[in-house]
């Protein structure tokens, strides 16, 4: 695929202290330069592709107006979906013939639904939605086969080499991401006038588990994603979401540097910082979201891509020494949301996404 020197939508991605139009164009071109001719978007050239981060980068391309490149990324997913509706957890440099991790993680498999809905909202392409609906439907059915009686989602199915067995343990971050994906999948179903009542019940039960039953998830309280993902995934909103943000703000946010990935490590990461910014924007905290995005300017590399993270104590240094498409993608999506991009605000704001229905067994 050829790279364009300037995206047609970079003016929309200008944010004071975060990106100029020229800087946005560099970042978009950086993602395009990593994308393979077949549409695959690995973390960086020579590294692996996973379906979640591949989708995140594709969504950023759509936010920048690079719709053909984004469509190619979804075509890659459509062509290489497994018969059971899943994708493998990792492919060496995006090569479908070389899966490097044949486990199948539920949040990885669910997230393409978010990207497909985002692309449709960005383009209005009915043929794209029709072509990718079977892919989304099969992926959601795979994911929901791992839903537990309490509503939470088992986080993976083991590789065939390890017995092809379902893992029933659930992760709060992963389940929150699945919740977001289920709502987007329901929006696709509504647009196609193909109701999915079982999905509605599944989404409602999952939201209830996230909001009211933390004991149903593995304890990953040290990770910042478990802090903000119930908000980013749309299960927590309003005053309840803002209260959650305040409770642990001082633990995870390092003023002027970004957001810690995991406590107590002195390590801020770009992806978590941008996702927190999106969550803040979703609950009406745009000023704080802007501050977070401005704080990670030190992670920007000369080529317009972003370093994964920075160790800020002891031997201070960029670590790991990698510039990932998904870090750049998360930044572009956060900027697009703050800038009012219609497709991005609809997908991450959530007001127009279906909510699902909580079954009687999960009330109270």
Protein backbone atom coordinates (compact mmCIF):
# COMPACT_ATOMS: atom_id res chain seq x y z
CA UNK A 1 0.00 0.00 0.00
CA UNK A 2 1.27 3.49 -0.75
CA UNK A 3 1.45 6.10 1.98
CA UNK A 4 0.04 9.56 1.51
CA UNK A 5 2.14 12.51 2.68
CA UNK A 6 -0.89 14.20 4.17
CA UNK A 7 -4.20 12.79 5.32
CA UNK A 8 -7.27 14.60 4.00
CA UNK A 9 -8.61 14.86 7.53
CA UNK A 10 -5.62 16.10 9.52
CA UNK A 11 -7.19 19.52 10.06
CA UNK A 12 -9.80 17.72 12.13
CA UNK A 13 -7.07 16.24 14.32
CA UNK A 14 -5.56 19.52 15.51
CA UNK A 15 -5.53 19.88 19.29
CA UNK A 16 -3.57 22.64 21.07
CA UNK A 17 -0.49 21.30 22.77
CA UNK A 18 -1.08 17.81 21.37
CA UNK A 19 -1.07 17.82 17.55
CA UNK A 20 -0.73 20.28 14.73
CA UNK A 21 -2.12 19.36 11.31
CA UNK A 22 1.40 18.53 10.15
CA UNK A 23 2.10 16.36 13.19
CA UNK A 24 -1.20 14.52 12.73
CA UNK A 25 -0.29 13.84 9.11
CA UNK A 26 3.07 12.42 10.21
CA UNK A 27 1.38 10.10 12.70
CA UNK A 28 -1.17 8.87 10.17
CA UNK A 29 1.60 8.30 7.63
CA UNK A 30 3.53 6.38 10.30
CA UNK A 31 0.66 3.93 10.76
CA UNK A 32 0.24 3.59 7.00
CA UNK A 33 3.93 2.85 6.62
CA UNK A 34 3.59 -0.14 8.96
CA UNK A 35 0.46 -1.50 7.28
CA UNK A 36 1.22 -4.45 5.01
CA UNK A 37 -0.01 -4.60 1.41
CA UNK A 38 -2.67 -7.16 2.47
CA UNK A 39 -4.14 -4.74 5.03
CA UNK A 40 -2.54 -6.19 8.18
CA UNK A 41 -1.36 -3.67 10.78
CA UNK A 42 1.21 -5.23 13.14
CA UNK A 43 2.49 -3.39 16.21
CA UNK A 44 5.48 -2.37 14.11
CA UNK A 45 7.22 -3.99 11.19
CA UNK A 46 8.78 -7.28 12.25
CA UNK A 47 6.55 -7.60 15.33
CA UNK A 48 3.26 -9.40 15.71
CA UNK A 49 -0.32 -8.39 14.94
CA UNK A 50 -3.15 -8.96 17.39
CA UNK A 51 -6.77 -8.38 16.35
CA UNK A 52 -7.54 -5.77 19.02
CA UNK A 53 -4.62 -3.46 18.27
CA UNK A 54 -5.00 -4.02 14.53
CA UNK A 55 -8.59 -2.76 14.87
CA UNK A 56 -7.55 0.21 17.01
CA UNK A 57 -5.08 1.33 14.34
CA UNK A 58 -7.70 0.86 11.62
CA UNK A 59 -10.14 3.04 13.55
CA UNK A 60 -7.50 5.76 13.77
CA UNK A 61 -7.07 5.62 10.01
CA UNK A 62 -10.82 6.12 9.57
CA UNK A 63 -10.75 9.06 11.98
CA UNK A 64 -8.09 10.59 9.73
CA UNK A 65 -10.09 10.01 6.55
CA UNK A 66 -7.94 7.10 5.33
CA UNK A 67 -10.99 4.98 4.63
CA UNK A 68 -9.51 2.72 1.97
CA UNK A 69 -6.63 1.74 4.22
CA UNK A 70 -9.05 1.09 7.09
CA UNK A 71 -11.31 -1.01 4.86
CA UNK A 72 -8.28 -3.09 3.87
CA UNK A 73 -7.60 -3.78 7.55
CA UNK A 74 -11.14 -5.11 8.05
CA UNK A 75 -10.84 -7.16 4.87
CA UNK A 76 -7.74 -8.77 6.39
CA UNK A 77 -9.83 -9.74 9.42
CA UNK A 78 -12.66 -11.06 7.29
CA UNK A 79 -10.36 -13.21 5.18
CA UNK A 80 -8.50 -14.72 8.12
CA UNK A 81 -11.24 -15.37 10.67
CA UNK A 82 -11.20 -18.90 12.05
CA UNK A 83 -14.12 -21.22 11.40
CA UNK A 84 -15.31 -20.86 14.99
CA UNK A 85 -15.58 -17.06 14.63
CA UNK A 86 -12.33 -16.28 16.44
CA UNK A 87 -8.92 -14.97 15.55
CA UNK A 88 -5.65 -16.09 17.08
CA UNK A 89 -4.07 -13.89 19.72
CA UNK A 90 -0.98 -13.08 17.64
CA UNK A 91 0.29 -13.38 14.08
CA UNK A 92 3.97 -12.91 13.29
CA UNK A 93 4.21 -9.55 11.47
CA UNK A 94 0.56 -9.94 10.50
CA UNK A 95 1.21 -13.08 8.47
CA UNK A 96 -1.89 -15.31 8.76
CA UNK A 97 0.22 -18.33 7.93
CA UNK A 98 2.40 -17.78 11.00
CA UNK A 99 0.27 -17.46 14.14
CA UNK A 100 2.66 -17.01 17.05
CA UNK A 101 -0.02 -17.47 19.73
CA UNK A 102 -2.95 -19.73 18.85
CA UNK A 103 -4.91 -18.90 21.97
CA UNK A 104 -8.14 -16.98 21.23
CA UNK A 105 -8.84 -14.08 23.57
CA UNK A 106 -12.43 -12.94 23.85
CA UNK A 107 -11.82 -9.20 23.97
CA UNK A 108 -9.53 -9.49 20.94
CA UNK A 109 -12.26 -11.31 19.03
CA UNK A 110 -15.04 -8.92 20.08
CA UNK A 111 -13.30 -5.65 19.27
CA UNK A 112 -13.61 -5.81 15.45
CA UNK A 113 -17.33 -5.14 15.97
CA UNK A 114 -16.39 -1.71 17.35
CA UNK A 115 -14.21 -1.02 14.34
CA UNK A 116 -16.79 -2.19 11.80
CA UNK A 117 -19.45 0.08 13.31
CA UNK A 118 -16.99 2.99 13.45
CA UNK A 119 -16.07 2.51 9.76
CA UNK A 120 -19.73 2.39 8.79
CA UNK A 121 -20.49 5.59 10.68
CA UNK A 122 -17.46 7.26 9.10
CA UNK A 123 -18.31 6.22 5.54
CA UNK A 124 -22.00 5.32 5.35
CA UNK A 125 -20.95 2.30 3.28
CA UNK A 126 -23.87 -0.13 3.39
CA UNK A 127 -22.04 -2.69 1.27
CA UNK A 128 -19.18 -2.73 3.78
CA UNK A 129 -21.64 -3.40 6.61
CA UNK A 130 -23.35 -6.17 4.65
CA UNK A 131 -20.03 -7.80 3.79
CA UNK A 132 -18.75 -7.75 7.36
CA UNK A 133 -21.94 -8.61 9.21
CA UNK A 134 -21.31 -12.39 9.03
CA UNK A 135 -17.81 -11.80 10.45
CA UNK A 136 -19.17 -9.75 13.35
CA UNK A 137 -21.96 -12.22 14.05
CA UNK A 138 -19.60 -15.20 14.13
CA UNK A 139 -17.12 -13.36 16.37
CA UNK A 140 -19.81 -12.35 18.86
CA UNK A 141 -21.15 -15.90 19.00
CA UNK A 142 -17.65 -17.19 19.72
CA UNK A 143 -17.25 -14.68 22.55
CA UNK A 144 -20.64 -15.37 24.11
CA UNK A 145 -19.93 -19.08 24.26
CA UNK A 146 -17.45 -18.13 26.99
CA UNK A 147 -19.90 -16.02 29.00
CA UNK A 148 -20.30 -17.30 32.55
CA UNK A 149 -23.55 -17.64 34.54
CA UNK A 150 -22.76 -14.41 36.41
CA UNK A 151 -22.53 -12.42 33.18
CA UNK A 152 -18.74 -12.06 33.05
CA UNK A 153 -16.79 -13.28 30.01
CA UNK A 154 -14.12 -15.96 30.28
CA UNK A 155 -11.01 -14.33 28.94
CA UNK A 156 -9.76 -16.89 26.41
CA UNK A 157 -9.91 -20.27 24.81
CA UNK A 158 -6.63 -22.16 24.95
CA UNK A 159 -4.71 -22.98 21.80
CA UNK A 160 -5.31 -26.37 20.14
CA UNK A 161 -1.85 -27.38 21.37
CA UNK A 162 -2.97 -26.71 24.96
CA UNK A 163 -6.21 -28.61 24.69
CA UNK A 164 -8.56 -26.07 23.08
CA UNK A 165 -10.23 -25.63 26.47
CA UNK A 166 -12.20 -22.56 27.57
CA UNK A 167 -10.76 -20.46 30.41
CA UNK A 168 -13.60 -19.44 32.72
CA UNK A 169 -11.68 -16.80 34.68
CA UNK A 170 -12.75 -13.29 33.67
CA UNK A 171 -10.79 -10.06 33.42
CA UNK A 172 -12.52 -6.77 34.24
CA UNK A 173 -10.69 -4.85 31.51
CA UNK A 174 -11.37 -7.50 28.88
CA UNK A 175 -15.01 -7.90 29.85
CA UNK A 176 -15.47 -4.11 29.80
CA UNK A 177 -14.06 -4.02 26.27
CA UNK A 178 -16.38 -6.87 25.29
CA UNK A 179 -19.31 -4.89 26.71
CA UNK A 180 -18.47 -2.01 24.39
CA UNK A 181 -18.16 -4.40 21.46
CA UNK A 182 -21.51 -6.05 22.20
CA UNK A 183 -23.23 -2.67 22.12
CA UNK A 184 -21.61 -1.88 18.76
CA UNK A 185 -22.59 -5.31 17.44
CA UNK A 186 -26.18 -4.64 18.53
CA UNK A 187 -26.06 -1.32 16.68
CA UNK A 188 -24.96 -3.17 13.54
CA UNK A 189 -27.78 -5.68 14.02
CA UNK A 190 -30.30 -2.84 14.38
CA UNK A 191 -28.99 -1.14 11.24
CA UNK A 192 -29.51 -4.41 9.37
CA UNK A 193 -32.91 -4.98 11.00
CA UNK A 194 -31.78 -8.33 12.35
CA UNK A 195 -32.65 -8.29 16.08
CA UNK A 196 -30.40 -10.28 18.40
CA UNK A 197 -32.30 -10.68 21.70
CA UNK A 198 -29.73 -13.12 23.09
CA UNK A 199 -27.02 -10.49 22.61
CA UNK A 200 -29.18 -7.92 24.40
CA UNK A 201 -29.50 -10.22 27.40
CA UNK A 202 -25.78 -10.99 27.31
CA UNK A 203 -24.85 -7.30 27.23
CA UNK A 204 -27.19 -6.52 30.10
CA UNK A 205 -25.88 -9.35 32.26
CA UNK A 206 -22.29 -8.34 31.53
CA UNK A 207 -22.94 -4.69 32.42
CA UNK A 208 -24.54 -5.77 35.68
CA UNK A 209 -21.53 -7.91 36.58
CA UNK A 210 -19.12 -5.05 35.83
CA UNK A 211 -21.11 -2.52 37.85
CA UNK A 212 -22.09 -4.62 40.84
CA UNK A 213 -19.94 -7.74 41.15
CA UNK A 214 -16.17 -7.08 41.17
CA UNK A 215 -15.69 -10.45 42.87
CA UNK A 216 -16.56 -12.17 39.60
CA UNK A 217 -13.33 -10.95 38.01
CA UNK A 218 -9.69 -11.75 38.66
CA UNK A 219 -8.05 -9.21 40.94
CA UNK A 220 -5.99 -6.93 38.70
CA UNK A 221 -6.48 -3.86 40.86
CA UNK A 222 -2.88 -2.75 40.35
CA UNK A 223 -3.48 -2.09 36.66
CA UNK A 224 -4.81 1.27 35.58
CA UNK A 225 -6.91 -0.35 32.86
CA UNK A 226 -9.07 -2.02 35.50
CA UNK A 227 -9.64 1.45 36.95
CA UNK A 228 -10.90 3.24 33.85
CA UNK A 229 -12.06 0.49 31.48
CA UNK A 230 -15.52 0.03 33.03
CA UNK A 231 -16.03 3.68 32.04
CA UNK A 232 -14.39 3.46 28.63
CA UNK A 233 -16.45 0.35 27.85
CA UNK A 234 -19.67 2.15 28.77
CA UNK A 235 -20.78 0.04 31.74
CA UNK A 236 -20.24 2.89 34.22
CA UNK A 237 -21.55 6.35 33.39
CA UNK A 238 -22.46 9.64 35.01
CA UNK A 239 -21.82 10.28 38.69
CA UNK A 240 -20.81 6.68 39.33
CA UNK A 241 -18.11 6.92 36.66
CA UNK A 242 -16.81 10.27 37.91
CA UNK A 243 -16.62 8.90 41.44
CA UNK A 244 -14.54 5.98 40.23
CA UNK A 245 -12.15 8.34 38.45
CA UNK A 246 -11.63 10.44 41.57
CA UNK A 247 -11.04 7.48 43.84
CA UNK A 248 -7.75 6.48 42.25
CA UNK A 249 -6.63 9.53 40.29
CA UNK A 250 -3.68 10.28 42.57
CA UNK A 251 -2.49 6.67 42.39
CA UNK A 252 -2.32 6.39 38.63
CA UNK A 253 -1.88 9.86 37.15
CA UNK A 254 1.66 11.30 37.15
CA UNK A 255 1.33 15.04 36.50
CA UNK A 256 3.15 16.14 33.39
CA UNK A 257 4.07 12.60 32.33
CA UNK A 258 0.90 10.53 31.84
CA UNK A 259 -0.73 7.48 33.39
CA UNK A 260 0.96 4.55 35.12
CA UNK A 261 0.35 1.18 33.58
CA UNK A 262 0.67 -0.78 36.83
CA UNK A 263 1.32 0.04 40.47
CA UNK A 264 3.81 0.60 41.99
CA UNK A 265 6.03 0.68 38.89
CA UNK A 266 7.37 4.12 37.89
CA UNK A 267 6.30 3.62 34.29
CA UNK A 268 3.83 5.73 32.31
CA UNK A 269 2.43 4.44 29.04
CA UNK A 270 0.96 6.22 26.06
CA UNK A 271 -1.85 3.77 25.36
CA UNK A 272 -3.25 3.87 28.89
CA UNK A 273 -2.93 7.65 28.95
CA UNK A 274 -4.90 8.06 25.72
CA UNK A 275 -7.56 5.58 26.81
CA UNK A 276 -7.98 7.42 30.10
CA UNK A 277 -8.37 10.63 28.11
CA UNK A 278 -11.16 8.99 26.09
CA UNK A 279 -12.86 7.83 29.30
CA UNK A 280 -12.57 11.34 30.77
CA UNK A 281 -14.05 12.86 27.64
CA UNK A 282 -16.92 10.36 27.78
CA UNK A 283 -17.92 11.58 31.27
CA UNK A 284 -17.64 15.27 30.38
CA UNK A 285 -14.12 15.87 31.71
CA UNK A 286 -12.67 17.28 28.47
CA UNK A 287 -10.30 19.69 30.21
CA UNK A 288 -8.64 16.91 32.15
CA UNK A 289 -8.61 14.73 29.05
CA UNK A 290 -6.71 17.47 27.20
CA UNK A 291 -4.21 17.76 30.05
CA UNK A 292 -3.52 14.03 29.92
CA UNK A 293 -2.94 14.12 26.17
CA UNK A 294 -0.67 17.13 26.47
CA UNK A 295 1.32 15.38 29.19
CA UNK A 296 2.48 12.57 26.88
CA UNK A 297 4.08 14.80 24.28
CA UNK A 298 7.43 13.53 25.57
CA UNK A 299 6.58 10.12 24.08
CA UNK A 300 6.39 11.46 20.54
CA UNK A 301 9.27 10.31 18.32
CA UNK A 302 10.74 12.33 15.45
CA UNK A 303 8.90 10.17 12.89
CA UNK A 304 5.51 11.10 14.37
CA UNK A 305 4.96 7.76 16.10
CA UNK A 306 4.84 7.31 19.88
CA UNK A 307 7.00 5.32 22.25
CA UNK A 308 5.07 2.76 24.28
CA UNK A 309 6.21 4.08 27.66
CA UNK A 310 8.70 5.91 29.86
CA UNK A 311 10.38 4.97 33.15
CA UNK A 312 10.46 8.13 35.23
CA UNK A 313 12.56 7.10 38.24
CA UNK A 314 16.12 5.81 38.57
CA UNK A 315 17.63 5.34 35.13
CA UNK A 316 15.03 7.42 33.31
CA UNK A 317 14.46 6.14 29.83
CA UNK A 318 11.99 5.29 27.11
CA UNK A 319 10.97 1.66 27.63
CA UNK A 320 10.41 -0.56 25.79
CA UNK A 321 12.18 0.88 22.77
CA UNK A 322 9.27 0.40 20.40
CA UNK A 323 6.86 2.73 18.61
CA UNK A 324 3.55 0.95 18.20
CA UNK A 325 0.71 1.55 15.77
CA UNK A 326 -1.83 1.08 18.54
CA UNK A 327 -0.26 3.77 20.75
CA UNK A 328 -0.39 6.20 17.84
CA UNK A 329 -3.89 4.99 17.04
CA UNK A 330 -5.20 5.53 20.56
CA UNK A 331 -3.85 9.09 20.51
CA UNK A 332 -5.54 9.88 17.18
CA UNK A 333 -8.85 8.47 18.43
CA UNK A 334 -8.70 10.49 21.65
CA UNK A 335 -7.92 13.64 19.67
CA UNK A 336 -10.75 12.85 17.24
CA UNK A 337 -13.21 12.48 20.13
CA UNK A 338 -12.18 15.77 21.70
CA UNK A 339 -12.37 17.38 18.26
CA UNK A 340 -15.93 16.20 17.71
CA UNK A 341 -15.43 13.63 14.94
CA UNK A 342 -18.94 12.27 14.49
CA UNK A 343 -18.12 8.57 14.10
CA UNK A 344 -15.61 8.54 16.96
CA UNK A 345 -17.87 10.41 19.37
CA UNK A 346 -20.79 8.11 18.54
CA UNK A 347 -18.73 4.98 19.19
CA UNK A 348 -17.01 6.11 22.39
CA UNK A 349 -19.70 8.46 23.73
CA UNK A 350 -22.20 5.64 23.66
CA UNK A 351 -25.41 7.66 23.87
CA UNK A 352 -26.76 6.12 20.68
CA UNK A 353 -25.52 2.59 21.30
CA UNK A 354 -28.01 -0.06 22.49
CA UNK A 355 -27.72 -0.85 26.19
CA UNK A 356 -28.91 -4.43 26.35
CA UNK A 357 -31.36 -5.99 28.81
CA UNK A 358 -30.49 -7.33 32.24
CA UNK A 359 -32.13 -10.75 32.79
CA UNK A 360 -34.13 -11.40 35.94
CA UNK A 361 -31.36 -13.57 37.38
CA UNK A 362 -28.99 -10.59 37.47
CA UNK A 363 -31.24 -8.01 39.10
CA UNK A 364 -30.36 -6.65 42.51
